Amino acid sequence: MYIFEILNSALQNIKANKLRSFLTMLGIIIGISSVITIASIGGAIKEYVTGEFAGMGTNVINLQVDTTESIGKRDYFTLEDAELIKEKVPEVTAVVPMAEGFGTVELQDKTKMASVAALNQHYVEIYDMDLAAGRFINEHDVETKKYVAVIDELTADKFFSNSDAAIGQRFKVNINGNYSDMTVIGVMKSQGILASFGENVPAQVYIPITIYDQVLGNENISHVSVLVSDMTKADEISSKIIRIIENKHNNTDKYTASQGFAALDMVNNVLDMLTAALSAIAAISLVVGGIGVMNIMLVSVTERTREIGIRKAVGAKTNDIRIQFLSESVILCLIGGGIGIIFGFLICKIIGYTMDVSVPVSIATVAIAFIFSSAVGIFFGLYPASKAAKMDPIEALRHE
């Protein structure tokens, strides 16, 4: 049989059983659309995280207390450490000590979970900060230990109706029952994926580092970001800073240092692994769909036994019969794959529109989905096609 005749025959048989064919394709449709959606969302999250890291200064060394070691109160960083690093290391242009706590922000009957970070005025030199209103913490706020705060835009909208109205207003920070009255001096813009979650995102509050012990209670300074002028000497500078801190605290092996975007590769690797794992789970439905295709093709072979016998009697070769049934299996999967690609694309668009983020569907993902659906059709269609091709024509013609 010519290939066009085979394809036409396969399409006619699929059309003759529209509902059965659609139900058979359903597993393929669900599997392909799920894989495309998960892969695209994973790519969008990765792009967002990369963008967030891009907002950080590239000449940054991050120092942390190694919590895997036995750590005492005296081992944590102090404000004096920050001054000492700036004084002893000429390549250092700014030092940002940071202490963080988790609690709530409250105003009258309004309450919201909050992440509170105590830092200094140099934070904006290392991390990109886009303000919607007001200003960021300055040197005077730090030196005079002012109870002021910069909050995120979503929190400003909830507590004060808008960003401009929030400036100068007061609210309470509650960390483990320790209440502090704070005055809003700035509102930072909420952007990206986090902004789309609205009320579900904890408030972000930035306060001067000099009041961290009063506001955060028992929290310690466990992180210091250091901006340097020359990253070609990053290893040497990191070692020098750690030696300075160890000598001051009279300890060893308590601190770790990482450079700029070193964490980005690790985060991207985790995201890639997570996306791959979720895609693999979604692809299980493709296997289920493939089994459905095999099952329906075996039913089709049984139903068309006499047809197979007649075709063989009039000269159809074994290979012609095999290609005929294999083509039906592949076409079923390709149609299902095509519909799945369309559904996956639409789902990504809907998610992007709902969350106000970009969820792009890559050509590579679509191509892989298309190839995969073809492979499923071939793999699960081989057995039914071979069974049909091996039928004895005389026995097939006797079949009722």
Foldseek 3Di string as FASTA:
>chain_A
DDPVVLLVVLVVVCVVCVVLLVVLLVLLLQLLLQLLQLLLVLVQVLVVVVVQLVQFDQQKKKKFFDPVDDDDPLLFDDPVLQVVLVVPDVQFDHKKFKWKAWDWKDDDPDIFTAIEMAIAPCPCVGGPFAFPDFDDHHPVCQVVVAQEKEKEQLVCCVRQVGFHRQAQDWIWTAGPNQIDIYGYRTYTYDDDLLVLVRRVRTMYMYHHNNCCCNRNPPIGRGMMMTGGNDCVCVVVSVVVSQVVSCVVSVHPPGMDMDGRCPVSVVVSVVSVVVSVVSSVVSNVSVVVSLLSLLVVLLVVLLVCLQVLLVCVVVPDALVSQLCSQLSSLLVSLLVSLVSSVVSSVVVQVVVCVSSVGHRDRDPVSSVVSNVVSNVSSNVSRNVSSNVSSPDDSVVSNPRD
